[in-house]
Amino acid sequence: MELTVECNKRSEGSKPNALRREGKIPAVLYGHKGTESMSLTVDAKSAEILVRRSSLNNTLIQVNVPDLGWSGKALLREVQSHPWKRFLYHLSFFSVSSTDKIEVTVPIHFVGVAIGAKQDGGSMDTVLNELEVACTGGTIPDGIEVDVSNMNIGDAIHVNELVLPTGVTAVGEGDRVVVSILGKASKAEDGTDAE
């Protein structure tokens, strides 16, 4: 999923609290020119929608800064908000080119109903619900689909068995279990007397 946000250059010496009273959220963009950063503001309503619809370090965002003539892709790196009132204080974006290799966390979506659960009374044990992957900025998947429909009791799918999109590789140990099908618990195991 790709989102778009319009930003404006933040004036030198502007005070963050004064900006927030004007309905603007202070923001910063890193990585667009190496180590340089760009001080920005985002409309508060747009910022709230952006935060609701995106996930940190995962959702690619089209950032447009018309008054500086800059536009490009970025990841939302950090969101600072009031601890209990939940209003936004500050956003941080990190510029990403479509060819830069980055690491992001994507959700795992389980598809189908396992044979071992449907016919044999077993249960599905989902060990991982998300996966850290390495890919270019232009190939970030919305999620990884895992088909469990052919799994029987005792079967497991490991990270290295996942079918990943072209150009996407899993980060970390490939032998980690993603999902397994457990057998029915006996009466002795579930706390009732076995007769």
N, C-alpha and C. Protein backbone atom coordinates (compact mmCIF):
# COMPACT_ATOMS: atom_id res chain seq x y z
N MET A 1 0.85 -1.18 0.00
CA MET A 1 0.00 0.00 0.00
C MET A 1 0.89 1.24 0.00
N GLU A 2 0.58 2.20 -0.87
CA GLU A 2 1.36 3.43 -0.91
C GLU A 2 0.46 4.61 -0.57
N LEU A 3 0.97 5.50 0.28
CA LEU A 3 0.24 6.68 0.70
C LEU A 3 0.98 7.92 0.22
N THR A 4 0.28 9.05 0.17
CA THR A 4 0.90 10.31 -0.24
C THR A 4 0.66 11.34 0.84
N VAL A 5 1.69 12.16 1.12
CA VAL A 5 1.53 13.24 2.09
C VAL A 5 2.20 14.49 1.54
N GLU A 6 1.51 15.63 1.70
CA GLU A 6 2.07 16.93 1.30
C GLU A 6 2.70 17.57 2.53
N CYS A 7 3.93 18.05 2.37
CA CYS A 7 4.63 18.71 3.47
C CYS A 7 5.04 20.11 3.03
N ASN A 8 5.35 20.95 4.01
CA ASN A 8 5.88 22.28 3.74
C ASN A 8 7.18 22.46 4.49
N LYS A 9 8.04 23.33 3.99
CA LYS A 9 9.29 23.63 4.67
C LYS A 9 8.95 24.34 5.98
N ARG A 10 9.63 23.94 7.05
CA ARG A 10 9.42 24.59 8.34
C ARG A 10 10.28 25.85 8.40
N SER A 11 9.68 26.96 8.79
CA SER A 11 10.41 28.23 8.88
C SER A 11 11.47 28.16 9.97
N GLU A 12 12.63 28.80 9.71
CA GLU A 12 13.69 28.89 10.72
C GLU A 12 13.15 29.54 11.98
N GLY A 13 13.47 28.99 13.13
CA GLY A 13 13.08 29.58 14.40
C GLY A 13 11.63 29.36 14.81
N SER A 14 10.87 28.60 14.00
CA SER A 14 9.47 28.35 14.38
C SER A 14 9.42 27.42 15.59
N LYS A 15 8.50 27.70 16.47
CA LYS A 15 8.36 26.92 17.71
C LYS A 15 7.38 25.77 17.50
N PRO A 16 7.77 24.54 17.90
CA PRO A 16 6.90 23.37 17.70
C PRO A 16 5.51 23.52 18.29
N ASN A 17 5.39 24.06 19.50
CA ASN A 17 4.06 24.21 20.12
C ASN A 17 3.21 25.20 19.36
N ALA A 18 3.82 26.28 18.86
CA ALA A 18 3.07 27.27 18.06
C ALA A 18 2.58 26.63 16.77
N LEU A 19 3.41 25.79 16.15
CA LEU A 19 3.01 25.08 14.93
C LEU A 19 1.81 24.17 15.21
N ARG A 20 1.86 23.46 16.32
CA ARG A 20 0.76 22.53 16.66
C ARG A 20 -0.54 23.30 16.90
N ARG A 21 -0.45 24.49 17.52
CA ARG A 21 -1.65 25.31 17.72
C ARG A 21 -2.24 25.76 16.39
N GLU A 22 -1.39 25.89 15.37
CA GLU A 22 -1.84 26.28 14.02
C GLU A 22 -2.34 25.09 13.21
N GLY A 23 -2.33 23.89 13.82
CA GLY A 23 -2.81 22.70 13.11
C GLY A 23 -1.74 22.05 12.24
N LYS A 24 -0.47 22.29 12.59
CA LYS A 24 0.64 21.70 11.84
C LYS A 24 1.49 20.85 12.77
N ILE A 25 1.95 19.72 12.26
CA ILE A 25 2.81 18.83 13.04
C ILE A 25 4.23 18.96 12.51
N PRO A 26 5.21 19.24 13.40
CA PRO A 26 6.61 19.29 12.96
C PRO A 26 7.05 17.90 12.47
N ALA A 27 7.88 17.90 11.44
CA ALA A 27 8.39 16.64 10.88
C ALA A 27 9.80 16.86 10.37
N VAL A 28 10.49 15.77 10.14
CA VAL A 28 11.83 15.85 9.58
C VAL A 28 11.99 14.73 8.56
N LEU A 29 12.75 15.01 7.51
CA LEU A 29 13.04 14.02 6.48
C LEU A 29 14.54 13.80 6.46
N TYR A 30 14.97 12.55 6.64
CA TYR A 30 16.38 12.18 6.61
C TYR A 30 16.67 11.40 5.34
N GLY A 31 17.94 11.37 4.97
CA GLY A 31 18.40 10.46 3.93
C GLY A 31 18.20 10.93 2.50
N HIS A 32 17.57 12.08 2.28
CA HIS A 32 17.34 12.53 0.91
C HIS A 32 18.63 13.05 0.27
N LYS A 33 19.57 13.50 1.10
CA LYS A 33 20.89 13.95 0.61
C LYS A 33 21.94 13.46 1.60
N GLY A 34 22.07 12.16 1.70
CA GLY A 34 23.04 11.59 2.64
C GLY A 34 22.68 11.87 4.07
N THR A 35 23.54 12.64 4.76
CA THR A 35 23.32 12.89 6.20
C THR A 35 22.50 14.14 6.46
N GLU A 36 22.17 14.91 5.43
CA GLU A 36 21.36 16.12 5.62
C GLU A 36 19.94 15.77 6.03
N SER A 37 19.32 16.67 6.79
CA SER A 37 17.91 16.50 7.12
C SER A 37 17.14 17.73 6.65
N MET A 38 15.85 17.58 6.47
CA MET A 38 14.98 18.65 6.00
C MET A 38 13.88 18.84 7.04
N SER A 39 13.77 20.05 7.61
CA SER A 39 12.72 20.34 8.61
C SER A 39 11.44 20.71 7.88
N LEU A 40 10.36 20.02 8.23
CA LEU A 40 9.09 20.16 7.53
C LEU A 40 7.93 20.34 8.51
N THR A 41 6.77 20.64 7.95
CA THR A 41 5.51 20.56 8.70
C THR A 41 4.51 19.78 7.87
N VAL A 42 3.59 19.11 8.58
CA VAL A 42 2.53 18.34 7.94
C VAL A 42 1.22 18.80 8.56
N ASP A 43 0.20 18.97 7.75
CA ASP A 43 -1.13 19.30 8.26
C ASP A 43 -1.54 18.23 9.29
N ALA A 44 -2.04 18.66 10.45
CA ALA A 44 -2.34 17.74 11.55
C ALA A 44 -3.32 16.64 11.14
N LYS A 45 -4.38 16.99 10.40
CA LYS A 45 -5.37 15.99 9.99
C LYS A 45 -4.73 14.97 9.03
N SER A 46 -3.92 15.46 8.10
CA SER A 46 -3.23 14.57 7.16
C SER A 46 -2.27 13.64 7.91
N ALA A 47 -1.59 14.19 8.93
CA ALA A 47 -0.65 13.40 9.72
C ALA A 47 -1.38 12.29 10.47
N GLU A 48 -2.54 12.60 11.05
CA GLU A 48 -3.31 11.59 11.78
C GLU A 48 -3.78 10.47 10.86
N ILE A 49 -4.24 10.83 9.67
CA ILE A 49 -4.67 9.81 8.70
C ILE A 49 -3.49 8.95 8.28
N LEU A 50 -2.35 9.60 8.03
CA LEU A 50 -1.14 8.89 7.63
C LEU A 50 -0.72 7.87 8.69
N VAL A 51 -0.71 8.29 9.94
CA VAL A 51 -0.29 7.40 11.03
C VAL A 51 -1.25 6.24 11.19
N ARG A 52 -2.56 6.50 11.02
CA ARG A 52 -3.55 5.42 11.12
C ARG A 52 -3.39 4.39 10.01
N ARG A 53 -3.10 4.84 8.79
CA ARG A 53 -3.08 3.95 7.63
C ARG A 53 -1.73 3.30 7.35
N SER A 54 -0.69 3.74 8.03
CA SER A 54 0.64 3.20 7.74
C SER A 54 1.19 2.47 8.95
N SER A 55 2.27 1.75 8.73
CA SER A 55 2.96 1.12 9.85
C SER A 55 4.42 1.53 9.79
N LEU A 56 5.01 1.72 10.95
CA LEU A 56 6.39 2.19 11.04
C LEU A 56 7.34 1.27 10.27
N ASN A 57 8.25 1.89 9.55
CA ASN A 57 9.32 1.17 8.82
C ASN A 57 8.80 0.14 7.85
N ASN A 58 7.58 0.28 7.38
CA ASN A 58 7.02 -0.72 6.48
C ASN A 58 6.29 -0.12 5.29
N THR A 59 5.47 0.89 5.52
CA THR A 59 4.64 1.44 4.46
C THR A 59 5.41 2.50 3.67
N LEU A 60 5.47 2.33 2.36
CA LEU A 60 6.12 3.30 1.50
C LEU A 60 5.19 4.50 1.31
N ILE A 61 5.72 5.69 1.54
CA ILE A 61 4.92 6.92 1.48
C ILE A 61 5.53 7.85 0.43
N GLN A 62 4.68 8.40 -0.42
CA GLN A 62 5.12 9.42 -1.38
C GLN A 62 5.09 10.76 -0.65
N VAL A 63 6.26 11.35 -0.42
CA VAL A 63 6.35 12.62 0.30
C VAL A 63 6.61 13.72 -0.73
N ASN A 64 5.73 14.72 -0.75
CA ASN A 64 5.87 15.86 -1.67
C ASN A 64 6.12 17.12 -0.86
N VAL A 65 7.17 17.87 -1.22
CA VAL A 65 7.48 19.14 -0.58
C VAL A 65 7.53 20.20 -1.67
N PRO A 66 6.36 20.72 -2.11
CA PRO A 66 6.31 21.64 -3.25
C PRO A 66 7.17 22.89 -3.10
N ASP A 67 7.20 23.50 -1.89
CA ASP A 67 7.96 24.75 -1.77
C ASP A 67 9.47 24.54 -1.81
N LEU A 68 9.95 23.29 -1.75
CA LEU A 68 11.38 23.00 -1.92
C LEU A 68 11.64 22.26 -3.24
N GLY A 69 10.58 21.97 -3.97
CA GLY A 69 10.73 21.26 -5.25
C GLY A 69 11.23 19.84 -5.08
N TRP A 70 10.90 19.21 -3.95
CA TRP A 70 11.37 17.83 -3.71
C TRP A 70 10.17 16.90 -3.59
N SER A 71 10.30 15.73 -4.17
CA SER A 71 9.31 14.68 -3.93
C SER A 71 10.03 13.35 -4.07
N GLY A 72 9.59 12.38 -3.28
CA GLY A 72 10.22 11.07 -3.32
C GLY A 72 9.54 10.12 -2.36
N LYS A 73 10.03 8.89 -2.34
CA LYS A 73 9.48 7.85 -1.47
C LYS A 73 10.20 7.89 -0.12
N ALA A 74 9.45 7.57 0.92
CA ALA A 74 10.02 7.55 2.26
C ALA A 74 9.28 6.54 3.12
N LEU A 75 9.93 6.12 4.18
CA LEU A 75 9.30 5.30 5.21
C LEU A 75 9.06 6.17 6.43
N LEU A 76 7.97 5.93 7.12
CA LEU A 76 7.71 6.61 8.39
C LEU A 76 8.55 5.90 9.44
N ARG A 77 9.59 6.58 9.94
CA ARG A 77 10.53 5.96 10.87
C ARG A 77 10.12 6.09 12.33
N GLU A 78 9.54 7.25 12.68
CA GLU A 78 9.22 7.49 14.09
C GLU A 78 7.99 8.37 14.20
N VAL A 79 7.15 8.06 15.18
CA VAL A 79 5.98 8.88 15.49
C VAL A 79 6.03 9.20 16.98
N GLN A 80 6.09 10.48 17.31
CA GLN A 80 6.06 10.89 18.70
C GLN A 80 4.67 11.44 18.99
N SER A 81 4.07 10.93 20.07
CA SER A 81 2.74 11.41 20.45
C SER A 81 2.64 11.51 21.96
N HIS A 82 1.64 12.25 22.41
CA HIS A 82 1.40 12.39 23.85
C HIS A 82 1.07 11.01 24.41
N PRO A 83 1.64 10.65 25.58
CA PRO A 83 1.47 9.29 26.08
C PRO A 83 0.04 8.83 26.32
N TRP A 84 -0.86 9.71 26.77
CA TRP A 84 -2.23 9.23 26.98
C TRP A 84 -3.27 10.03 26.21
N LYS A 85 -2.98 11.26 25.83
CA LYS A 85 -3.95 12.03 25.04
C LYS A 85 -3.88 11.66 23.56
N ARG A 86 -2.78 11.06 23.15
CA ARG A 86 -2.62 10.50 21.79
C ARG A 86 -2.52 11.53 20.68
N PHE A 87 -2.37 12.85 20.99
CA PHE A 87 -2.19 13.75 19.87
C PHE A 87 -0.72 13.75 19.46
N LEU A 88 -0.48 14.00 18.18
CA LEU A 88 0.85 13.88 17.60
C LEU A 88 1.74 15.06 17.97
N TYR A 89 3.03 14.77 18.21
CA TYR A 89 4.03 15.79 18.48
C TYR A 89 4.97 15.99 17.29
N HIS A 90 5.39 14.84 16.68
CA HIS A 90 6.45 14.92 15.68
C HIS A 90 6.48 13.65 14.83
N LEU A 91 6.83 13.79 13.55
CA LEU A 91 7.01 12.65 12.64
C LEU A 91 8.41 12.68 12.06
N SER A 92 8.98 11.51 11.84
CA SER A 92 10.27 11.39 11.16
C SER A 92 10.13 10.48 9.96
N PHE A 93 10.58 10.96 8.80
CA PHE A 93 10.56 10.19 7.56
C PHE A 93 12.00 9.86 7.15
N PHE A 94 12.18 8.72 6.49
CA PHE A 94 13.48 8.36 5.95
C PHE A 94 13.33 8.12 4.45
N SER A 95 14.03 8.92 3.67
CA SER A 95 13.94 8.83 2.21
C SER A 95 14.53 7.52 1.70
N VAL A 96 13.84 6.90 0.75
CA VAL A 96 14.26 5.61 0.20
C VAL A 96 14.17 5.69 -1.31
N SER A 97 15.25 5.33 -1.99
CA SER A 97 15.15 5.26 -3.46
C SER A 97 14.59 3.90 -3.81
N SER A 98 14.02 3.78 -5.00
CA SER A 98 13.41 2.51 -5.39
C SER A 98 14.45 1.41 -5.55
N THR A 99 15.74 1.77 -5.56
CA THR A 99 16.80 0.75 -5.72
C THR A 99 17.57 0.49 -4.43
N ASP A 100 17.32 1.28 -3.37
CA ASP A 100 18.00 1.07 -2.09
C ASP A 100 17.52 -0.22 -1.45
N LYS A 101 18.45 -1.01 -0.92
CA LYS A 101 18.10 -2.24 -0.20
C LYS A 101 17.80 -1.83 1.24
N ILE A 102 16.62 -2.22 1.73
CA ILE A 102 16.22 -1.88 3.09
C ILE A 102 15.64 -3.12 3.77
N GLU A 103 15.55 -3.07 5.10
CA GLU A 103 14.92 -4.15 5.86
C GLU A 103 13.62 -3.62 6.45
N VAL A 104 12.53 -4.36 6.20
CA VAL A 104 11.21 -3.97 6.70
C VAL A 104 10.52 -5.20 7.30
N THR A 105 9.52 -4.95 8.13
CA THR A 105 8.73 -6.03 8.71
C THR A 105 7.37 -6.04 8.03
N VAL A 106 7.00 -7.20 7.49
CA VAL A 106 5.72 -7.31 6.78
C VAL A 106 4.84 -8.37 7.46
N PRO A 107 3.52 -8.21 7.39
CA PRO A 107 2.63 -9.20 8.02
C PRO A 107 2.58 -10.50 7.23
N ILE A 108 2.31 -11.58 7.93
CA ILE A 108 2.10 -12.89 7.31
C ILE A 108 0.59 -13.15 7.30
N HIS A 109 0.06 -13.52 6.12
CA HIS A 109 -1.37 -13.82 5.99
C HIS A 109 -1.52 -15.31 5.73
N PHE A 110 -2.26 -15.99 6.59
CA PHE A 110 -2.48 -17.43 6.43
C PHE A 110 -3.72 -17.66 5.58
N VAL A 111 -3.58 -18.53 4.57
CA VAL A 111 -4.64 -18.78 3.60
C VAL A 111 -5.08 -20.23 3.71
N GLY A 112 -6.39 -20.47 3.68
CA GLY A 112 -6.93 -21.82 3.71
C GLY A 112 -7.12 -22.36 5.12
N VAL A 113 -7.66 -23.57 5.18
CA VAL A 113 -7.86 -24.28 6.45
C VAL A 113 -7.09 -25.59 6.36
N ALA A 114 -6.24 -25.84 7.33
CA ALA A 114 -5.40 -27.03 7.31
C ALA A 114 -6.23 -28.31 7.40
N ILE A 115 -5.86 -29.32 6.61
CA ILE A 115 -6.53 -30.63 6.65
C ILE A 115 -6.49 -31.19 8.08
N GLY A 116 -5.33 -31.05 8.72
CA GLY A 116 -5.17 -31.57 10.09
C GLY A 116 -6.08 -30.90 11.09
N ALA A 117 -6.48 -29.68 10.84
CA ALA A 117 -7.40 -28.99 11.74
C ALA A 117 -8.85 -29.26 11.37
N LYS A 118 -9.12 -29.30 10.06
CA LYS A 118 -10.50 -29.46 9.59
C LYS A 118 -11.00 -30.89 9.77
N GLN A 119 -10.19 -31.88 9.36
CA GLN A 119 -10.66 -33.27 9.35
C GLN A 119 -10.22 -34.07 10.57
N ASP A 120 -9.05 -33.74 11.13
CA ASP A 120 -8.49 -34.58 12.20
C ASP A 120 -8.58 -33.96 13.59
N GLY A 121 -9.21 -32.79 13.70
CA GLY A 121 -9.43 -32.19 15.02
C GLY A 121 -8.20 -31.51 15.62
N GLY A 122 -7.16 -31.31 14.83
CA GLY A 122 -5.97 -30.62 15.34
C GLY A 122 -6.20 -29.12 15.39
N SER A 123 -5.16 -28.40 15.78
CA SER A 123 -5.27 -26.94 15.82
C SER A 123 -4.02 -26.30 15.21
N MET A 124 -4.22 -25.13 14.63
CA MET A 124 -3.13 -24.42 13.98
C MET A 124 -2.42 -23.55 15.00
N ASP A 125 -1.11 -23.69 15.09
CA ASP A 125 -0.29 -22.90 16.01
C ASP A 125 0.54 -21.92 15.18
N THR A 126 0.13 -20.64 15.16
CA THR A 126 0.86 -19.64 14.40
C THR A 126 1.96 -19.07 15.30
N VAL A 127 3.20 -19.35 14.93
CA VAL A 127 4.36 -18.91 15.72
C VAL A 127 4.78 -17.50 15.30
N LEU A 128 4.77 -17.21 14.00
CA LEU A 128 5.13 -15.89 13.49
C LEU A 128 3.92 -15.26 12.80
N ASN A 129 3.65 -14.01 13.11
CA ASN A 129 2.58 -13.27 12.43
C ASN A 129 3.13 -12.19 11.52
N GLU A 130 4.45 -11.96 11.60
CA GLU A 130 5.12 -11.02 10.72
C GLU A 130 6.53 -11.51 10.47
N LEU A 131 7.14 -10.98 9.40
CA LEU A 131 8.45 -11.46 8.98
C LEU A 131 9.30 -10.27 8.58
N GLU A 132 10.55 -10.26 9.04
CA GLU A 132 11.48 -9.22 8.62
C GLU A 132 12.11 -9.66 7.31
N VAL A 133 12.05 -8.78 6.32
CA VAL A 133 12.59 -9.10 5.00
C VAL A 133 13.50 -7.98 4.52
N ALA A 134 14.39 -8.32 3.58
CA ALA A 134 15.25 -7.35 2.91
C ALA A 134 14.78 -7.25 1.47
N CYS A 135 14.63 -6.02 0.98
CA CYS A 135 14.18 -5.81 -0.40
C CYS A 135 14.50 -4.38 -0.79
N THR A 136 14.29 -4.05 -2.04
CA THR A 136 14.47 -2.66 -2.47
C THR A 136 13.23 -1.86 -2.11
N GLY A 137 13.38 -0.54 -2.07
CA GLY A 137 12.25 0.32 -1.73
C GLY A 137 11.07 0.15 -2.65
N GLY A 138 11.33 -0.25 -3.89
CA GLY A 138 10.25 -0.42 -4.85
C GLY A 138 9.57 -1.77 -4.82
N THR A 139 10.07 -2.71 -4.01
CA THR A 139 9.49 -4.06 -4.01
C THR A 139 8.98 -4.49 -2.63
N ILE A 140 8.64 -3.54 -1.76
CA ILE A 140 8.14 -3.90 -0.43
C ILE A 140 6.78 -4.57 -0.58
N PRO A 141 6.66 -5.83 -0.15
CA PRO A 141 5.36 -6.51 -0.27
C PRO A 141 4.39 -6.02 0.81
N ASP A 142 3.08 -6.05 0.48
CA ASP A 142 2.06 -5.70 1.48
C ASP A 142 1.99 -6.76 2.57
N GLY A 143 2.36 -7.98 2.22
CA GLY A 143 2.33 -9.09 3.16
C GLY A 143 2.84 -10.35 2.48
N ILE A 144 3.03 -11.40 3.26
CA ILE A 144 3.47 -12.70 2.75
C ILE A 144 2.33 -13.69 2.96
N GLU A 145 1.87 -14.33 1.88
CA GLU A 145 0.80 -15.32 1.99
C GLU A 145 1.39 -16.71 2.24
N VAL A 146 0.80 -17.42 3.20
CA VAL A 146 1.22 -18.78 3.53
C VAL A 146 -0.01 -19.68 3.42
N ASP A 147 0.01 -20.60 2.47
CA ASP A 147 -1.11 -21.53 2.26
C ASP A 147 -0.95 -22.71 3.20
N VAL A 148 -1.91 -22.87 4.12
CA VAL A 148 -1.84 -23.95 5.11
C VAL A 148 -2.78 -25.11 4.79
N SER A 149 -3.50 -25.02 3.66
CA SER A 149 -4.57 -25.98 3.38
C SER A 149 -4.10 -27.43 3.25
N ASN A 150 -2.85 -27.70 2.90
CA ASN A 150 -2.36 -29.08 2.76
C ASN A 150 -1.63 -29.60 3.99
N MET A 151 -1.70 -28.88 5.10
CA MET A 151 -0.96 -29.27 6.30
C MET A 151 -1.75 -30.28 7.14
N ASN A 152 -1.05 -31.33 7.57
CA ASN A 152 -1.63 -32.36 8.44
C ASN A 152 -1.06 -32.19 9.84
N ILE A 153 -1.62 -32.94 10.80
CA ILE A 153 -1.11 -32.91 12.17
C ILE A 153 0.36 -33.29 12.16
N GLY A 154 1.17 -32.49 12.85
CA GLY A 154 2.61 -32.72 12.91
C GLY A 154 3.40 -31.95 11.86
N ASP A 155 2.73 -31.38 10.86
CA ASP A 155 3.42 -30.60 9.82
C ASP A 155 3.78 -29.21 10.35
N ALA A 156 4.86 -28.68 9.79
CA ALA A 156 5.28 -27.31 10.12
C ALA A 156 5.84 -26.65 8.86
N ILE A 157 5.67 -25.36 8.76
CA ILE A 157 6.28 -24.58 7.67
C ILE A 157 7.32 -23.67 8.31
N HIS A 158 8.54 -23.71 7.75
CA HIS A 158 9.65 -22.90 8.25
C HIS A 158 9.86 -21.68 7.36
N VAL A 159 10.59 -20.70 7.87
CA VAL A 159 10.85 -19.47 7.12
C VAL A 159 11.47 -19.78 5.76
N ASN A 160 12.44 -20.72 5.72
CA ASN A 160 13.12 -21.01 4.46
C ASN A 160 12.23 -21.75 3.45
N GLU A 161 11.02 -22.13 3.84
CA GLU A 161 10.09 -22.78 2.92
C GLU A 161 9.05 -21.81 2.36
N LEU A 162 9.07 -20.56 2.82
CA LEU A 162 8.09 -19.59 2.36
C LEU A 162 8.38 -19.19 0.91
N VAL A 163 7.31 -18.94 0.16
CA VAL A 163 7.45 -18.45 -1.21
C VAL A 163 7.39 -16.93 -1.13
N LEU A 164 8.55 -16.30 -1.36
CA LEU A 164 8.65 -14.85 -1.25
C LEU A 164 8.66 -14.22 -2.64
N PRO A 165 8.15 -13.00 -2.76
CA PRO A 165 8.16 -12.33 -4.06
C PRO A 165 9.60 -12.16 -4.58
N THR A 166 9.74 -12.01 -5.88
CA THR A 166 11.05 -11.80 -6.49
C THR A 166 11.73 -10.59 -5.89
N GLY A 167 13.00 -10.74 -5.53
CA GLY A 167 13.77 -9.63 -4.97
C GLY A 167 13.61 -9.46 -3.47
N VAL A 168 12.82 -10.32 -2.83
CA VAL A 168 12.59 -10.23 -1.38
C VAL A 168 13.21 -11.44 -0.70
N THR A 169 14.03 -11.20 0.33
CA THR A 169 14.65 -12.31 1.07
C THR A 169 14.34 -12.15 2.56
N ALA A 170 14.20 -13.28 3.24
CA ALA A 170 13.92 -13.25 4.68
C ALA A 170 15.21 -12.92 5.43
N VAL A 171 15.08 -12.17 6.50
CA VAL A 171 16.22 -11.81 7.35
C VAL A 171 16.17 -12.72 8.58
N GLY A 172 17.30 -13.24 8.98
CA GLY A 172 17.35 -14.09 10.17
C GLY A 172 17.42 -15.56 9.81
N GLU A 173 17.24 -16.40 10.82
CA GLU A 173 17.40 -17.84 10.65
C GLU A 173 16.25 -18.45 9.86
N GLY A 174 16.61 -19.23 8.84
CA GLY A 174 15.62 -19.84 7.97
C GLY A 174 14.89 -21.02 8.58
N ASP A 175 15.43 -21.59 9.68
CA ASP A 175 14.79 -22.77 10.27
C ASP A 175 13.73 -22.41 11.32
N ARG A 176 13.42 -21.12 11.47
CA ARG A 176 12.37 -20.73 12.41
C ARG A 176 11.01 -21.23 11.91
N VAL A 177 10.20 -21.74 12.82
CA VAL A 177 8.87 -22.23 12.47
C VAL A 177 7.92 -21.04 12.33
N VAL A 178 7.15 -21.04 11.24
CA VAL A 178 6.15 -20.00 11.01
C VAL A 178 4.80 -20.47 11.54
N VAL A 179 4.43 -21.71 11.21
CA VAL A 179 3.14 -22.26 11.61
C VAL A 179 3.27 -23.78 11.70
N SER A 180 2.55 -24.38 12.61
CA SER A 180 2.52 -25.85 12.71
C SER A 180 1.10 -26.29 13.07
N ILE A 181 0.82 -27.58 12.81
CA ILE A 181 -0.49 -28.15 13.15
C ILE A 181 -0.29 -29.11 14.31
N LEU A 182 -0.96 -28.81 15.42
CA LEU A 182 -0.86 -29.62 16.63
C LEU A 182 -2.00 -30.61 16.69
N GLY A 183 -1.74 -31.79 17.28
CA GLY A 183 -2.77 -32.80 17.45
C GLY A 183 -3.71 -32.46 18.59
N LYS A 184 -4.79 -33.23 18.69
CA LYS A 184 -5.74 -33.04 19.79
C LYS A 184 -5.06 -33.34 21.11
N ALA A 185 -5.33 -32.53 22.13
CA ALA A 185 -4.79 -32.81 23.46
C ALA A 185 -5.58 -33.96 24.06
N SER A 186 -4.88 -34.88 24.73
CA SER A 186 -5.58 -35.99 25.39
C SER A 186 -6.25 -35.46 26.64
N LYS A 187 -7.18 -36.23 27.21
CA LYS A 187 -7.89 -35.78 28.40
C LYS A 187 -6.93 -35.55 29.56
N ALA A 188 -5.89 -36.38 29.67
CA ALA A 188 -4.92 -36.22 30.75
C ALA A 188 -4.16 -34.91 30.60
N GLU A 189 -3.85 -34.52 29.33
CA GLU A 189 -3.10 -33.30 29.11
C GLU A 189 -3.95 -32.05 29.34
N ASP A 190 -5.26 -32.12 29.05
CA ASP A 190 -6.07 -30.91 29.19
C ASP A 190 -6.64 -30.74 30.60
N GLY A 191 -6.17 -31.57 31.56
CA GLY A 191 -6.56 -31.38 32.95
C GLY A 191 -7.74 -32.20 33.41
N THR A 192 -8.37 -33.00 32.54
CA THR A 192 -9.48 -33.84 32.97
C THR A 192 -8.94 -35.25 33.19
N ASP A 193 -9.65 -36.06 33.92
CA ASP A 193 -9.21 -37.44 34.18
C ASP A 193 -9.39 -38.29 32.95
N ALA A 194 -8.33 -39.06 32.63
CA ALA A 194 -8.42 -40.02 31.51
C ALA A 194 -8.97 -41.32 32.08
N GLU A 195 -10.05 -41.81 31.53
CA GLU A 195 -10.64 -43.06 32.04
C GLU A 195 -10.49 -44.16 31.05
